[in-house]
Amino acid sequence: MSLLEISDLRIALNGDRDSQVVKGLDLSIEAGQTTCLVGESGSGKSLTALATMGLLPPVLKPIAGSIKLKGRSCWGRNSRGCARSGPPPCP
């Protein structure tokens, strides 16, 4: 089981499928692994981090995908994000 698993993350402006700002992101991070998210300006790096923490601005809406921390869903329309789950324990 991955520490953090993001599957088919899709975020859109005002929830409009034609205005997607993050399109189908898949990412898996194992415990103890260091991962860098690299991309051009405007490619969705910061929005991915904000979605993971449940801190997307109100104008951006999740339209698909899932985010799981230690196998537990912590993202979606009614979720407050992984930040509410607390940080993972130190090894």
C-alpha atoms as a PDB file:
ATOM      1  CA  MET A   1       0.000   0.000   0.000  1.00  0.00           C
ATOM      2  CA  SER A   2       1.320   3.432  -0.955  1.00  0.00           C
ATOM      3  CA  LEU A   3       1.651   6.215   1.597  1.00  0.00           C
ATOM      4  CA  LEU A   4      -0.024   8.641  -0.826  1.00  0.00           C
ATOM      5  CA  GLU A   5      -1.907   7.581  -3.936  1.00  0.00           C
ATOM      6  CA  ILE A   6      -3.515   9.990  -6.389  1.00  0.00           C
ATOM      7  CA  SER A   7      -5.602   8.436  -9.139  1.00  0.00           C
ATOM      8  CA  ASP A   8      -7.108  10.186 -12.184  1.00  0.00           C
ATOM      9  CA  LEU A   9      -7.136  13.587 -10.468  1.00  0.00           C
ATOM     10  CA  ARG A  10      -9.191  16.091 -12.478  1.00  0.00           C
ATOM     11  CA  ILE A  11      -9.809  19.665 -11.353  1.00  0.00           C
ATOM     12  CA  ALA A  12     -11.858  22.169 -13.351  1.00  0.00           C
ATOM     13  CA  LEU A  13     -12.677  25.845 -13.247  1.00  0.00           C
ATOM     14  CA  ASN A  14     -16.197  26.123 -11.790  1.00  0.00           C
ATOM     15  CA  GLY A  15     -16.598  22.367 -12.273  1.00  0.00           C
ATOM     16  CA  ASP A  16     -16.793  22.781 -16.076  1.00  0.00           C
ATOM     17  CA  ARG A  17     -15.378  19.666 -17.786  1.00  0.00           C
ATOM     18  CA  ASP A  18     -14.264  21.840 -20.723  1.00  0.00           C
ATOM     19  CA  SER A  19     -12.120  23.994 -18.398  1.00  0.00           C
ATOM     20  CA  GLN A  20      -9.922  21.357 -16.746  1.00  0.00           C
ATOM     21  CA  VAL A  21      -6.749  22.696 -15.143  1.00  0.00           C
ATOM     22  CA  VAL A  22      -5.518  19.275 -13.964  1.00  0.00           C
ATOM     23  CA  LYS A  23      -6.311  16.368 -16.271  1.00  0.00           C
ATOM     24  CA  GLY A  24      -6.036  12.740 -15.189  1.00  0.00           C
ATOM     25  CA  LEU A  25      -3.017  12.877 -12.866  1.00  0.00           C
ATOM     26  CA  ASP A  26      -1.814   9.568 -11.395  1.00  0.00           C
ATOM     27  CA  LEU A  27       0.842   9.577  -8.673  1.00  0.00           C
ATOM     28  CA  SER A  28       1.964   7.076  -6.059  1.00  0.00           C
ATOM     29  CA  ILE A  29       4.431   7.811  -3.255  1.00  0.00           C
ATOM     30  CA  GLU A  30       5.787   5.061  -1.015  1.00  0.00           C
ATOM     31  CA  ALA A  31       6.822   5.573   2.616  1.00  0.00           C
ATOM     32  CA  GLY A  32      10.390   6.903   2.783  1.00  0.00           C
ATOM     33  CA  GLN A  33      10.370   7.883  -0.898  1.00  0.00           C
ATOM     34  CA  THR A  34      11.297  11.390  -2.029  1.00  0.00           C
ATOM     35  CA  THR A  35       9.283  12.634  -4.994  1.00  0.00           C
ATOM     36  CA  CYS A  36       9.577  15.831  -7.004  1.00  0.00           C
ATOM     37  CA  LEU A  37       6.673  17.107  -9.052  1.00  0.00           C
ATOM     38  CA  VAL A  38       8.182  18.873 -12.066  1.00  0.00           C
ATOM     39  CA  GLY A  39       6.446  20.702 -14.892  1.00  0.00           C
ATOM     40  CA  GLU A  40       6.074  23.909 -16.803  1.00  0.00           C
ATOM     41  CA  SER A  41       4.531  26.990 -15.258  1.00  0.00           C
ATOM     42  CA  GLY A  42       0.769  26.507 -15.107  1.00  0.00           C
ATOM     43  CA  SER A  43       0.899  22.720 -15.417  1.00  0.00           C
ATOM     44  CA  GLY A  44      -0.949  22.067 -12.142  1.00  0.00           C
ATOM     45  CA  LYS A  45       1.821  21.330  -9.634  1.00  0.00           C
ATOM     46  CA  SER A  46       0.532  23.736  -6.979  1.00  0.00           C
ATOM     47  CA  LEU A  47      -3.113  22.802  -7.593  1.00  0.00           C
ATOM     48  CA  THR A  48      -2.228  19.141  -7.070  1.00  0.00           C
ATOM     49  CA  ALA A  49      -0.648  19.995  -3.713  1.00  0.00           C
ATOM     50  CA  LEU A  50      -3.598  22.194  -2.713  1.00  0.00           C
ATOM     51  CA  ALA A  51      -6.092  19.463  -3.655  1.00  0.00           C
ATOM     52  CA  THR A  52      -4.138  16.935  -1.581  1.00  0.00           C
ATOM     53  CA  MET A  53      -4.437  19.212   1.445  1.00  0.00           C
ATOM     54  CA  GLY A  54      -8.082  20.100   0.770  1.00  0.00           C
ATOM     55  CA  LEU A  55      -7.215  23.741   0.131  1.00  0.00           C
ATOM     56  CA  LEU A  56      -8.433  24.366  -3.425  1.00  0.00           C
ATOM     57  CA  PRO A  57      -9.863  27.845  -3.968  1.00  0.00           C
ATOM     58  CA  PRO A  58     -13.684  27.862  -4.253  1.00  0.00           C
ATOM     59  CA  VAL A  59     -13.600  28.575  -8.011  1.00  0.00           C
ATOM     60  CA  LEU A  60     -11.816  25.246  -8.648  1.00  0.00           C
ATOM     61  CA  LYS A  61     -13.834  22.057  -8.276  1.00  0.00           C
ATOM     62  CA  PRO A  62     -12.825  18.393  -8.204  1.00  0.00           C
ATOM     63  CA  ILE A  63     -14.646  16.591 -11.010  1.00  0.00           C
ATOM     64  CA  ALA A  64     -13.001  13.146 -10.896  1.00  0.00           C
ATOM     65  CA  GLY A  65     -10.345  11.074  -9.214  1.00  0.00           C
ATOM     66  CA  SER A  66      -9.302  10.053  -5.741  1.00  0.00           C
ATOM     67  CA  ILE A  67      -6.599  10.843  -3.219  1.00  0.00           C
ATOM     68  CA  LYS A  68      -5.743   8.293  -0.536  1.00  0.00           C
ATOM     69  CA  LEU A  69      -3.408   8.640   2.424  1.00  0.00           C
ATOM     70  CA  LYS A  70      -2.307   5.274   3.828  1.00  0.00           C
ATOM     71  CA  GLY A  71      -5.173   3.610   1.947  1.00  0.00           C
ATOM     72  CA  ARG A  72      -7.835   5.898   3.416  1.00  0.00           C
ATOM     73  CA  SER A  73      -9.772   8.212   1.130  1.00  0.00           C
ATOM     74  CA  CYS A  74      -9.190  11.814   2.100  1.00  0.00           C
ATOM     75  CA  TRP A  75     -10.357  13.728  -0.939  1.00  0.00           C
ATOM     76  CA  GLY A  76     -13.581  14.381  -2.738  1.00  0.00           C
ATOM     77  CA  ARG A  77     -16.479  16.758  -2.863  1.00  0.00           C
ATOM     78  CA  ASN A  78     -17.273  16.406   0.862  1.00  0.00           C
ATOM     79  CA  SER A  79     -13.758  15.840   2.187  1.00  0.00           C
ATOM     80  CA  ARG A  80     -11.588  18.328   4.055  1.00  0.00           C
ATOM     81  CA  GLY A  81      -8.414  16.818   2.569  1.00  0.00           C
ATOM     82  CA  CYS A  82      -5.471  14.831   3.849  1.00  0.00           C
ATOM     83  CA  ALA A  83      -4.379  17.706   6.082  1.00  0.00           C
ATOM     84  CA  ARG A  84      -7.226  16.768   8.426  1.00  0.00           C
ATOM     85  CA  SER A  85      -5.822  13.248   8.734  1.00  0.00           C
ATOM     86  CA  GLY A  86      -2.679  14.598  10.340  1.00  0.00           C
ATOM     87  CA  PRO A  87       0.882  14.040   9.257  1.00  0.00           C
ATOM     88  CA  PRO A  88       2.181  10.499   8.851  1.00  0.00           C
ATOM     89  CA  PRO A  89       4.160   9.246  11.864  1.00  0.00           C
ATOM     90  CA  CYS A  90       7.948   9.446  11.697  1.00  0.00           C
ATOM     91  CA  PRO A  91       9.603   6.074  10.998  1.00  0.00           C
END
